[in-house]
Amino acid sequence: MARLFYVCVLAGVVLTVLLAGVYPLPQHTRYRSIISVIPDGGREERFIMRWPEDRVQPLQAGRAGSIVLAAGGASFLSAADGGSASVEVFRMRDAAGNVIGLASRSTTANAGGTQDASWALLIPSRGTLFLSRQQGGGATPEGGSTGGSGRVTGGTGEFAALIGSYDEAREAGKPAADGSTSGQITLVTRVQAAP
């Protein structure tokens, strides 16, 4: 009985290797990182999101209780105290325009109309980079805010143990006849190894 078991395991391994030769696993394209070295040490990298084409479809109205869809497609979560939070997910591009991952942006409204914003940039082949900005900027790309600056709060994979800052710039296009907007969000990160 044991002999039959080992023969079946060996036959399974041999057949798996043969099938892998006939039907090779897919090769995913991995784009080279477009990184600039900055003079005082560290590196700079640009990440680009275009709206509306790079925005990942938000939840449909009515599927979640407190989610409200704005005219531009941003999702807002209404809080009991009248505050709101915005959650958006974009396909993220490198400086050459290649889609390299996903970017998630969440904002919360504070007293006095200021906004806190957080980004999670996921690049499957490299890791995740976490960015945070407090007290500044608008809630959505459609708001026309110029963005702002913040700091790198952590990361995984290639981005682990890095510190630094980032700048967020938004360029709005001309509004369409139906009132929808378009534009581009650019995140420029400047990171270096933590001391």
N, C-alpha and C. Protein backbone atom coordinates (compact mmCIF):
# COMPACT_ATOMS: atom_id res chain seq x y z
N MET A 1 0.81 -1.19 0.00
CA MET A 1 0.00 0.00 0.00
C MET A 1 0.86 1.26 0.00
N ALA A 2 1.94 1.25 0.81
CA ALA A 2 2.83 2.40 0.86
C ALA A 2 3.53 2.60 -0.48
N ARG A 3 3.89 1.47 -1.12
CA ARG A 3 4.56 1.56 -2.42
C ARG A 3 3.65 2.23 -3.44
N LEU A 4 2.37 1.87 -3.47
CA LEU A 4 1.42 2.48 -4.39
C LEU A 4 1.29 3.98 -4.13
N PHE A 5 1.27 4.37 -2.87
CA PHE A 5 1.19 5.79 -2.51
C PHE A 5 2.38 6.57 -3.08
N TYR A 6 3.60 6.06 -2.86
CA TYR A 6 4.80 6.76 -3.34
C TYR A 6 4.88 6.79 -4.86
N VAL A 7 4.43 5.73 -5.52
CA VAL A 7 4.41 5.71 -6.98
C VAL A 7 3.43 6.77 -7.50
N CYS A 8 2.28 6.90 -6.87
CA CYS A 8 1.29 7.91 -7.29
C CYS A 8 1.80 9.33 -7.07
N VAL A 9 2.48 9.57 -5.94
CA VAL A 9 3.05 10.90 -5.68
C VAL A 9 4.10 11.22 -6.73
N LEU A 10 5.00 10.27 -7.03
CA LEU A 10 6.04 10.48 -8.03
C LEU A 10 5.43 10.72 -9.41
N ALA A 11 4.40 9.94 -9.77
CA ALA A 11 3.73 10.14 -11.06
C ALA A 11 3.08 11.52 -11.12
N GLY A 12 2.49 11.97 -10.02
CA GLY A 12 1.89 13.31 -9.99
C GLY A 12 2.91 14.41 -10.18
N VAL A 13 4.08 14.28 -9.56
CA VAL A 13 5.15 15.28 -9.72
C VAL A 13 5.64 15.30 -11.16
N VAL A 14 5.87 14.12 -11.74
CA VAL A 14 6.36 14.04 -13.13
C VAL A 14 5.34 14.64 -14.08
N LEU A 15 4.07 14.31 -13.93
CA LEU A 15 3.04 14.87 -14.80
C LEU A 15 2.93 16.38 -14.64
N THR A 16 3.06 16.89 -13.43
CA THR A 16 3.01 18.33 -13.20
C THR A 16 4.15 19.03 -13.92
N VAL A 17 5.36 18.49 -13.84
CA VAL A 17 6.51 19.09 -14.52
C VAL A 17 6.33 19.06 -16.03
N LEU A 18 5.83 17.94 -16.56
CA LEU A 18 5.60 17.84 -18.00
C LEU A 18 4.54 18.83 -18.47
N LEU A 19 3.45 18.95 -17.72
CA LEU A 19 2.40 19.90 -18.10
C LEU A 19 2.88 21.34 -18.00
N ALA A 20 3.73 21.64 -17.03
CA ALA A 20 4.27 23.00 -16.91
C ALA A 20 5.15 23.34 -18.10
N GLY A 21 5.81 22.34 -18.69
CA GLY A 21 6.61 22.58 -19.89
C GLY A 21 5.75 22.83 -21.11
N VAL A 22 4.62 22.14 -21.20
CA VAL A 22 3.72 22.30 -22.34
C VAL A 22 2.89 23.57 -22.18
N TYR A 23 2.38 23.81 -20.99
CA TYR A 23 1.57 24.99 -20.69
C TYR A 23 2.30 25.84 -19.66
N PRO A 24 3.24 26.69 -20.10
CA PRO A 24 4.03 27.47 -19.13
C PRO A 24 3.16 28.48 -18.38
N LEU A 25 3.60 28.80 -17.18
CA LEU A 25 2.91 29.80 -16.38
C LEU A 25 3.01 31.16 -17.05
N PRO A 26 2.01 32.01 -16.90
CA PRO A 26 2.06 33.33 -17.55
C PRO A 26 3.18 34.20 -16.96
N GLN A 27 3.77 34.99 -17.81
CA GLN A 27 4.81 35.92 -17.39
C GLN A 27 4.20 37.31 -17.31
N HIS A 28 4.11 37.85 -16.12
CA HIS A 28 3.54 39.18 -15.95
C HIS A 28 4.61 40.23 -16.22
N THR A 29 4.20 41.30 -16.86
CA THR A 29 5.13 42.38 -17.16
C THR A 29 5.43 43.15 -15.88
N ARG A 30 6.71 43.31 -15.59
CA ARG A 30 7.13 44.12 -14.45
C ARG A 30 7.92 45.28 -15.01
N TYR A 31 7.38 46.47 -14.87
CA TYR A 31 8.05 47.66 -15.38
C TYR A 31 9.15 48.08 -14.42
N ARG A 32 10.22 48.60 -14.99
CA ARG A 32 11.32 49.09 -14.16
C ARG A 32 10.86 50.32 -13.40
N SER A 33 11.34 50.46 -12.19
CA SER A 33 11.01 51.63 -11.38
C SER A 33 11.69 52.85 -11.98
N ILE A 34 10.96 53.95 -12.10
CA ILE A 34 11.52 55.19 -12.61
C ILE A 34 11.80 56.07 -11.40
N ILE A 35 13.02 55.99 -10.92
CA ILE A 35 13.42 56.66 -9.68
C ILE A 35 14.54 57.64 -9.99
N SER A 36 14.47 58.82 -9.39
CA SER A 36 15.54 59.82 -9.49
C SER A 36 16.26 59.89 -8.15
N VAL A 37 17.57 60.00 -8.20
CA VAL A 37 18.35 60.18 -6.98
C VAL A 37 18.40 61.67 -6.69
N ILE A 38 18.06 62.06 -5.46
CA ILE A 38 18.07 63.47 -5.11
C ILE A 38 19.42 63.83 -4.48
N PRO A 39 19.88 65.08 -4.68
CA PRO A 39 21.24 65.47 -4.29
C PRO A 39 21.60 65.24 -2.82
N ASP A 40 20.68 65.44 -1.90
CA ASP A 40 21.02 65.29 -0.49
C ASP A 40 20.81 63.86 0.02
N GLY A 41 20.71 62.91 -0.86
CA GLY A 41 20.50 61.52 -0.49
C GLY A 41 19.05 61.14 -0.62
N GLY A 42 18.80 59.88 -0.82
CA GLY A 42 17.44 59.41 -0.97
C GLY A 42 17.04 59.32 -2.43
N ARG A 43 15.76 59.11 -2.64
CA ARG A 43 15.26 58.95 -4.01
C ARG A 43 13.89 59.60 -4.14
N GLU A 44 13.57 59.97 -5.37
CA GLU A 44 12.29 60.62 -5.68
C GLU A 44 11.59 59.79 -6.74
N GLU A 45 10.28 59.64 -6.58
CA GLU A 45 9.50 58.87 -7.54
C GLU A 45 8.14 59.52 -7.72
N ARG A 46 7.63 59.50 -8.97
CA ARG A 46 6.34 60.09 -9.29
C ARG A 46 5.32 58.99 -9.56
N PHE A 47 4.12 59.20 -8.99
CA PHE A 47 2.99 58.31 -9.23
C PHE A 47 1.84 59.17 -9.74
N ILE A 48 1.16 58.70 -10.78
CA ILE A 48 0.14 59.50 -11.45
C ILE A 48 -1.19 58.74 -11.49
N MET A 49 -2.28 59.46 -11.19
CA MET A 49 -3.63 58.93 -11.31
C MET A 49 -4.44 59.92 -12.14
N ARG A 50 -5.11 59.44 -13.17
CA ARG A 50 -5.95 60.30 -14.01
C ARG A 50 -7.41 59.99 -13.69
N TRP A 51 -8.19 61.06 -13.55
CA TRP A 51 -9.62 60.81 -13.33
C TRP A 51 -10.38 61.37 -14.51
N PRO A 52 -11.44 60.80 -14.94
CA PRO A 52 -12.13 59.67 -14.32
C PRO A 52 -11.63 58.30 -14.78
N GLU A 53 -10.77 58.21 -15.82
CA GLU A 53 -10.46 56.90 -16.41
C GLU A 53 -9.70 55.95 -15.49
N ASP A 54 -8.92 56.45 -14.53
CA ASP A 54 -8.19 55.57 -13.63
C ASP A 54 -8.94 55.28 -12.34
N ARG A 55 -10.07 55.91 -12.13
CA ARG A 55 -10.82 55.67 -10.90
C ARG A 55 -11.47 54.29 -10.99
N VAL A 56 -11.27 53.48 -9.96
CA VAL A 56 -11.92 52.18 -9.88
C VAL A 56 -13.36 52.42 -9.50
N GLN A 57 -14.28 51.73 -10.14
CA GLN A 57 -15.71 51.96 -9.95
C GLN A 57 -16.09 51.90 -8.48
N PRO A 58 -16.71 52.95 -7.95
CA PRO A 58 -17.15 52.93 -6.55
C PRO A 58 -18.37 52.04 -6.36
N LEU A 59 -18.74 51.84 -5.12
CA LEU A 59 -19.96 51.07 -4.83
C LEU A 59 -21.16 51.72 -5.49
N GLN A 60 -22.07 50.92 -5.95
CA GLN A 60 -23.29 51.46 -6.54
C GLN A 60 -24.19 52.01 -5.45
N ALA A 61 -24.90 53.07 -5.76
CA ALA A 61 -25.82 53.69 -4.79
C ALA A 61 -26.84 52.65 -4.34
N GLY A 62 -27.11 52.63 -3.05
CA GLY A 62 -28.09 51.71 -2.50
C GLY A 62 -27.51 50.40 -2.01
N ARG A 63 -26.24 50.08 -2.34
CA ARG A 63 -25.65 48.82 -1.89
C ARG A 63 -25.09 48.93 -0.49
N ALA A 64 -24.79 50.13 -0.03
CA ALA A 64 -24.29 50.31 1.33
C ALA A 64 -25.06 51.47 1.94
N GLY A 65 -25.43 51.35 3.20
CA GLY A 65 -26.34 52.29 3.83
C GLY A 65 -25.92 53.73 3.81
N SER A 66 -24.71 54.07 4.26
CA SER A 66 -24.36 55.47 4.44
C SER A 66 -23.45 56.01 3.34
N ILE A 67 -23.27 55.27 2.25
CA ILE A 67 -22.40 55.74 1.18
C ILE A 67 -23.20 56.57 0.19
N VAL A 68 -22.69 57.75 -0.11
CA VAL A 68 -23.34 58.65 -1.05
C VAL A 68 -22.35 58.90 -2.19
N LEU A 69 -22.81 58.81 -3.42
CA LEU A 69 -21.94 59.06 -4.56
C LEU A 69 -22.06 60.51 -4.98
N ALA A 70 -20.91 61.18 -5.09
CA ALA A 70 -20.88 62.57 -5.54
C ALA A 70 -20.97 62.58 -7.06
N ALA A 71 -21.17 63.76 -7.63
CA ALA A 71 -21.32 63.89 -9.07
C ALA A 71 -20.12 63.37 -9.83
N GLY A 72 -18.92 63.55 -9.31
CA GLY A 72 -17.71 63.11 -9.99
C GLY A 72 -17.38 61.65 -9.78
N GLY A 73 -18.13 60.92 -8.97
CA GLY A 73 -17.88 59.51 -8.75
C GLY A 73 -17.18 59.20 -7.46
N ALA A 74 -16.85 60.20 -6.65
CA ALA A 74 -16.22 59.93 -5.35
C ALA A 74 -17.27 59.39 -4.39
N SER A 75 -16.84 58.54 -3.48
CA SER A 75 -17.75 57.98 -2.48
C SER A 75 -17.57 58.73 -1.17
N PHE A 76 -18.65 59.17 -0.58
CA PHE A 76 -18.59 59.86 0.71
C PHE A 76 -19.32 59.03 1.75
N LEU A 77 -18.73 58.92 2.92
CA LEU A 77 -19.37 58.26 4.05
C LEU A 77 -19.84 59.34 5.00
N SER A 78 -21.12 59.37 5.28
CA SER A 78 -21.66 60.39 6.18
C SER A 78 -21.62 59.89 7.61
N ALA A 79 -21.08 60.72 8.50
CA ALA A 79 -21.01 60.38 9.92
C ALA A 79 -22.22 60.95 10.64
N ALA A 80 -22.51 60.44 11.84
CA ALA A 80 -23.66 60.90 12.62
C ALA A 80 -23.53 62.36 13.02
N ASP A 81 -22.30 62.85 13.18
CA ASP A 81 -22.09 64.24 13.60
C ASP A 81 -22.08 65.22 12.43
N GLY A 82 -22.40 64.76 11.23
CA GLY A 82 -22.45 65.64 10.08
C GLY A 82 -21.13 65.70 9.32
N GLY A 83 -20.06 65.13 9.86
CA GLY A 83 -18.79 65.09 9.15
C GLY A 83 -18.85 64.07 8.03
N SER A 84 -17.83 64.03 7.23
CA SER A 84 -17.83 63.06 6.14
C SER A 84 -16.42 62.54 5.90
N ALA A 85 -16.38 61.43 5.24
CA ALA A 85 -15.11 60.83 4.82
C ALA A 85 -15.25 60.46 3.35
N SER A 86 -14.20 60.61 2.61
CA SER A 86 -14.19 60.27 1.20
C SER A 86 -13.22 59.11 1.01
N VAL A 87 -13.63 58.14 0.21
CA VAL A 87 -12.77 56.99 -0.09
C VAL A 87 -12.74 56.82 -1.60
N GLU A 88 -11.54 56.80 -2.17
CA GLU A 88 -11.40 56.63 -3.61
C GLU A 88 -10.28 55.63 -3.87
N VAL A 89 -10.42 54.86 -4.94
CA VAL A 89 -9.38 53.93 -5.36
C VAL A 89 -9.09 54.20 -6.83
N PHE A 90 -7.80 54.31 -7.16
CA PHE A 90 -7.37 54.61 -8.52
C PHE A 90 -6.38 53.56 -9.00
N ARG A 91 -6.34 53.35 -10.32
CA ARG A 91 -5.21 52.65 -10.92
C ARG A 91 -4.05 53.64 -10.88
N MET A 92 -2.89 53.18 -10.48
CA MET A 92 -1.74 54.06 -10.33
C MET A 92 -0.75 53.82 -11.47
N ARG A 93 -0.24 54.92 -12.01
CA ARG A 93 0.70 54.86 -13.13
C ARG A 93 2.06 55.38 -12.70
N ASP A 94 3.10 54.92 -13.40
CA ASP A 94 4.43 55.49 -13.18
C ASP A 94 4.58 56.70 -14.09
N ALA A 95 5.76 57.32 -14.09
CA ALA A 95 5.99 58.54 -14.87
C ALA A 95 5.87 58.28 -16.38
N ALA A 96 6.06 57.03 -16.81
CA ALA A 96 5.94 56.70 -18.23
C ALA A 96 4.50 56.38 -18.64
N GLY A 97 3.57 56.36 -17.69
CA GLY A 97 2.18 56.11 -18.00
C GLY A 97 1.75 54.65 -17.90
N ASN A 98 2.64 53.76 -17.45
CA ASN A 98 2.30 52.35 -17.29
C ASN A 98 1.54 52.14 -15.98
N VAL A 99 0.46 51.36 -16.02
CA VAL A 99 -0.26 51.04 -14.80
C VAL A 99 0.58 50.05 -14.01
N ILE A 100 0.95 50.45 -12.77
CA ILE A 100 1.84 49.62 -11.95
C ILE A 100 1.21 49.15 -10.65
N GLY A 101 0.03 49.63 -10.31
CA GLY A 101 -0.59 49.22 -9.05
C GLY A 101 -1.87 49.97 -8.77
N LEU A 102 -2.25 49.98 -7.50
CA LEU A 102 -3.46 50.67 -7.05
C LEU A 102 -3.11 51.70 -5.99
N ALA A 103 -3.86 52.79 -5.99
CA ALA A 103 -3.70 53.84 -4.97
C ALA A 103 -5.05 54.07 -4.33
N SER A 104 -5.07 54.04 -3.02
CA SER A 104 -6.30 54.29 -2.27
C SER A 104 -6.13 55.58 -1.48
N ARG A 105 -7.09 56.50 -1.64
CA ARG A 105 -7.04 57.79 -0.95
C ARG A 105 -8.26 57.91 -0.06
N SER A 106 -8.04 58.22 1.20
CA SER A 106 -9.16 58.45 2.11
C SER A 106 -8.96 59.79 2.79
N THR A 107 -10.04 60.53 2.92
CA THR A 107 -10.00 61.83 3.59
C THR A 107 -11.09 61.89 4.64
N THR A 108 -10.85 62.67 5.66
CA THR A 108 -11.85 62.91 6.69
C THR A 108 -11.97 64.41 6.92
N ALA A 109 -13.18 64.86 7.17
CA ALA A 109 -13.42 66.28 7.42
C ALA A 109 -13.21 66.57 8.91
N ASN A 110 -12.54 67.68 9.19
CA ASN A 110 -12.31 68.12 10.56
C ASN A 110 -13.10 69.39 10.83
N ALA A 111 -13.14 69.79 12.08
CA ALA A 111 -13.78 71.06 12.44
C ALA A 111 -13.05 72.19 11.72
N GLY A 112 -13.77 73.16 11.25
CA GLY A 112 -13.17 74.28 10.55
C GLY A 112 -12.99 74.04 9.06
N GLY A 113 -13.49 72.92 8.55
CA GLY A 113 -13.44 72.66 7.12
C GLY A 113 -12.12 72.13 6.61
N THR A 114 -11.18 71.78 7.47
CA THR A 114 -9.91 71.22 7.00
C THR A 114 -10.06 69.73 6.77
N GLN A 115 -9.12 69.16 6.03
CA GLN A 115 -9.17 67.75 5.66
C GLN A 115 -7.88 67.05 6.04
N ASP A 116 -7.97 65.84 6.57
CA ASP A 116 -6.83 64.95 6.73
C ASP A 116 -6.92 63.94 5.59
N ALA A 117 -5.80 63.61 4.99
CA ALA A 117 -5.80 62.67 3.87
C ALA A 117 -4.74 61.60 4.10
N SER A 118 -5.06 60.39 3.67
CA SER A 118 -4.12 59.28 3.74
C SER A 118 -4.14 58.54 2.40
N TRP A 119 -2.97 58.13 1.96
CA TRP A 119 -2.82 57.35 0.74
C TRP A 119 -2.19 56.01 1.11
N ALA A 120 -2.63 54.96 0.44
CA ALA A 120 -1.96 53.65 0.49
C ALA A 120 -1.66 53.30 -0.96
N LEU A 121 -0.37 53.24 -1.30
CA LEU A 121 0.06 52.95 -2.67
C LEU A 121 0.53 51.51 -2.72
N LEU A 122 -0.17 50.66 -3.47
CA LEU A 122 0.15 49.24 -3.56
C LEU A 122 0.75 48.94 -4.92
N ILE A 123 2.00 48.50 -4.90
CA ILE A 123 2.68 48.07 -6.12
C ILE A 123 3.01 46.59 -5.90
N PRO A 124 2.28 45.67 -6.54
CA PRO A 124 2.41 44.25 -6.22
C PRO A 124 3.83 43.70 -6.24
N SER A 125 4.66 44.13 -7.15
CA SER A 125 6.01 43.58 -7.23
C SER A 125 6.99 44.24 -6.26
N ARG A 126 6.56 45.33 -5.60
CA ARG A 126 7.49 46.08 -4.74
C ARG A 126 7.05 46.22 -3.30
N GLY A 127 5.77 46.37 -3.02
CA GLY A 127 5.29 46.54 -1.66
C GLY A 127 4.24 47.64 -1.59
N THR A 128 3.99 48.12 -0.38
CA THR A 128 3.00 49.15 -0.12
C THR A 128 3.66 50.33 0.56
N LEU A 129 3.28 51.54 0.15
CA LEU A 129 3.80 52.77 0.74
C LEU A 129 2.62 53.53 1.34
N PHE A 130 2.75 53.95 2.61
CA PHE A 130 1.69 54.66 3.30
C PHE A 130 2.07 56.12 3.47
N LEU A 131 1.15 57.02 3.06
CA LEU A 131 1.38 58.46 3.12
C LEU A 131 0.27 59.10 3.94
N SER A 132 0.60 60.20 4.62
CA SER A 132 -0.41 60.87 5.45
C SER A 132 -0.20 62.38 5.43
N ARG A 133 -1.31 63.11 5.36
CA ARG A 133 -1.29 64.58 5.41
C ARG A 133 -2.38 65.02 6.36
N GLN A 134 -2.05 65.91 7.26
CA GLN A 134 -3.04 66.40 8.21
C GLN A 134 -3.29 67.88 8.00
N GLN A 135 -4.56 68.27 8.14
CA GLN A 135 -4.98 69.67 8.11
C GLN A 135 -4.62 70.39 6.82
N GLY A 136 -5.19 69.95 5.70
CA GLY A 136 -4.98 70.70 4.48
C GLY A 136 -5.57 70.00 3.28
N GLY A 137 -5.80 70.73 2.21
CA GLY A 137 -6.25 70.18 0.95
C GLY A 137 -7.74 69.90 0.91
N GLY A 138 -8.23 69.59 -0.27
CA GLY A 138 -9.65 69.35 -0.48
C GLY A 138 -9.99 67.88 -0.38
N ALA A 139 -11.28 67.57 -0.43
CA ALA A 139 -11.74 66.21 -0.21
C ALA A 139 -11.70 65.35 -1.46
N THR A 140 -11.88 65.93 -2.62
CA THR A 140 -11.94 65.13 -3.83
C THR A 140 -11.20 65.83 -4.94
N PRO A 141 -10.83 65.09 -6.01
CA PRO A 141 -10.20 65.74 -7.15
C PRO A 141 -11.08 66.82 -7.74
N GLU A 142 -12.40 66.64 -7.70
CA GLU A 142 -13.30 67.61 -8.30
C GLU A 142 -13.31 68.93 -7.56
N GLY A 143 -12.82 68.94 -6.31
CA GLY A 143 -12.85 70.14 -5.50
C GLY A 143 -11.93 71.23 -6.00
N GLY A 144 -10.98 70.90 -6.86
CA GLY A 144 -10.10 71.91 -7.42
C GLY A 144 -8.99 72.34 -6.48
N SER A 145 -8.81 71.67 -5.37
CA SER A 145 -7.74 72.01 -4.44
C SER A 145 -6.39 71.72 -5.09
N THR A 146 -5.38 72.42 -4.64
CA THR A 146 -4.05 72.23 -5.22
C THR A 146 -3.32 71.05 -4.63
N GLY A 147 -3.90 70.36 -3.66
CA GLY A 147 -3.25 69.21 -3.06
C GLY A 147 -2.59 69.62 -1.77
N GLY A 148 -1.34 69.23 -1.58
CA GLY A 148 -0.64 69.56 -0.36
C GLY A 148 0.57 68.68 -0.18
N SER A 149 1.18 68.78 1.00
CA SER A 149 2.36 68.00 1.33
C SER A 149 2.07 67.18 2.56
N GLY A 150 2.78 66.09 2.70
CA GLY A 150 2.61 65.22 3.85
C GLY A 150 3.87 64.42 4.08
N ARG A 151 3.73 63.36 4.88
CA ARG A 151 4.91 62.56 5.20
C ARG A 151 4.65 61.09 4.90
N VAL A 152 5.73 60.38 4.69
CA VAL A 152 5.68 58.93 4.51
C VAL A 152 5.60 58.32 5.90
N THR A 153 4.56 57.55 6.16
CA THR A 153 4.36 57.01 7.51
C THR A 153 4.76 55.55 7.65
N GLY A 154 5.08 54.88 6.57
CA GLY A 154 5.50 53.48 6.67
C GLY A 154 5.44 52.80 5.33
N GLY A 155 5.74 51.52 5.34
CA GLY A 155 5.72 50.76 4.12
C GLY A 155 6.01 49.30 4.36
N THR A 156 5.83 48.50 3.31
CA THR A 156 6.15 47.08 3.36
C THR A 156 7.04 46.75 2.17
N GLY A 157 7.66 45.59 2.19
CA GLY A 157 8.49 45.15 1.08
C GLY A 157 9.64 46.11 0.86
N GLU A 158 9.80 46.57 -0.36
CA GLU A 158 10.87 47.50 -0.73
C GLU A 158 10.77 48.83 0.02
N PHE A 159 9.57 49.19 0.47
CA PHE A 159 9.36 50.48 1.13
C PHE A 159 9.48 50.41 2.65
N ALA A 160 9.78 49.25 3.20
CA ALA A 160 9.91 49.11 4.65
C ALA A 160 11.11 49.92 5.12
N ALA A 161 11.02 50.50 6.29
CA ALA A 161 12.11 51.26 6.94
C ALA A 161 12.53 52.49 6.15
N LEU A 162 11.61 53.08 5.39
CA LEU A 162 11.90 54.33 4.69
C LEU A 162 11.16 55.48 5.38
N ILE A 163 11.77 56.64 5.39
CA ILE A 163 11.13 57.85 5.89
C ILE A 163 11.20 58.89 4.79
N GLY A 164 10.36 59.90 4.89
CA GLY A 164 10.41 60.96 3.89
C GLY A 164 9.13 61.76 3.84
N SER A 165 8.93 62.39 2.70
CA SER A 165 7.77 63.26 2.51
C SER A 165 7.21 63.05 1.12
N TYR A 166 6.05 63.66 0.89
CA TYR A 166 5.46 63.61 -0.45
C TYR A 166 4.73 64.91 -0.72
N ASP A 167 4.57 65.21 -2.00
CA ASP A 167 3.77 66.34 -2.46
C ASP A 167 2.66 65.80 -3.33
N GLU A 168 1.48 66.36 -3.18
CA GLU A 168 0.32 65.98 -3.98
C GLU A 168 -0.10 67.19 -4.80
N ALA A 169 -0.14 67.03 -6.10
CA ALA A 169 -0.57 68.12 -6.98
C ALA A 169 -1.71 67.62 -7.85
N ARG A 170 -2.71 68.47 -8.03
CA ARG A 170 -3.85 68.13 -8.88
C ARG A 170 -3.99 69.14 -9.99
N GLU A 171 -4.18 68.63 -11.18
CA GLU A 171 -4.41 69.48 -12.34
C GLU A 171 -5.80 69.14 -12.88
N ALA A 172 -6.69 70.08 -12.82
CA ALA A 172 -8.06 69.85 -13.31
C ALA A 172 -8.16 70.27 -14.77
N GLY A 173 -8.84 69.44 -15.55
CA GLY A 173 -9.11 69.78 -16.94
C GLY A 173 -10.35 70.65 -17.03
N LYS A 174 -10.72 70.99 -18.24
CA LYS A 174 -11.93 71.79 -18.43
C LYS A 174 -13.16 70.93 -18.20
N PRO A 175 -14.17 71.47 -17.51
CA PRO A 175 -15.41 70.70 -17.28
C PRO A 175 -16.11 70.38 -18.60
N ALA A 176 -16.68 69.18 -18.67
CA ALA A 176 -17.42 68.76 -19.85
C ALA A 176 -18.80 69.41 -19.83
N ALA A 177 -19.52 69.27 -20.94
CA ALA A 177 -20.85 69.87 -21.06
C ALA A 177 -21.82 69.30 -20.01
N ASP A 178 -21.63 68.04 -19.62
CA ASP A 178 -22.52 67.43 -18.63
C ASP A 178 -22.11 67.75 -17.19
N GLY A 179 -21.07 68.57 -17.01
CA GLY A 179 -20.64 68.97 -15.67
C GLY A 179 -19.57 68.09 -15.07
N SER A 180 -19.23 66.98 -15.73
CA SER A 180 -18.20 66.09 -15.18
C SER A 180 -16.82 66.73 -15.38
N THR A 181 -15.89 66.32 -14.54
CA THR A 181 -14.55 66.87 -14.60
C THR A 181 -13.54 65.78 -14.94
N SER A 182 -12.36 66.22 -15.31
CA SER A 182 -11.27 65.30 -15.56
C SER A 182 -9.99 65.98 -15.10
N GLY A 183 -8.96 65.22 -14.97
CA GLY A 183 -7.70 65.79 -14.54
C GLY A 183 -6.71 64.73 -14.14
N GLN A 184 -5.72 65.16 -13.39
CA GLN A 184 -4.63 64.27 -13.01
C GLN A 184 -4.16 64.59 -11.60
N ILE A 185 -3.90 63.56 -10.82
CA ILE A 185 -3.30 63.70 -9.50
C ILE A 185 -1.88 63.16 -9.61
N THR A 186 -0.91 63.93 -9.17
CA THR A 186 0.49 63.50 -9.18
C THR A 186 1.01 63.48 -7.75
N LEU A 187 1.53 62.34 -7.34
CA LEU A 187 2.19 62.21 -6.04
C LEU A 187 3.68 62.09 -6.30
N VAL A 188 4.46 62.95 -5.67
CA VAL A 188 5.92 62.90 -5.77
C VAL A 188 6.44 62.53 -4.39
N THR A 189 7.04 61.35 -4.28
CA THR A 189 7.57 60.90 -2.99
C THR A 189 9.07 61.09 -2.95
N ARG A 190 9.56 61.51 -1.80
CA ARG A 190 11.01 61.65 -1.56
C ARG A 190 11.31 60.85 -0.30
N VAL A 191 12.02 59.74 -0.46
CA VAL A 191 12.27 58.85 0.67
C VAL A 191 13.76 58.53 0.80
N GLN A 192 14.13 58.15 2.01
CA GLN A 192 15.48 57.67 2.28
C GLN A 192 15.39 56.67 3.43
N ALA A 193 16.45 55.92 3.64
CA ALA A 193 16.46 54.93 4.71
C ALA A 193 16.41 55.62 6.06
N ALA A 194 15.65 55.04 6.97
CA ALA A 194 15.55 55.60 8.33
C ALA A 194 16.90 55.46 9.02
N PRO A 195 17.28 56.47 9.83
CA PRO A 195 18.59 56.39 10.50
C PRO A 195 18.64 55.29 11.54
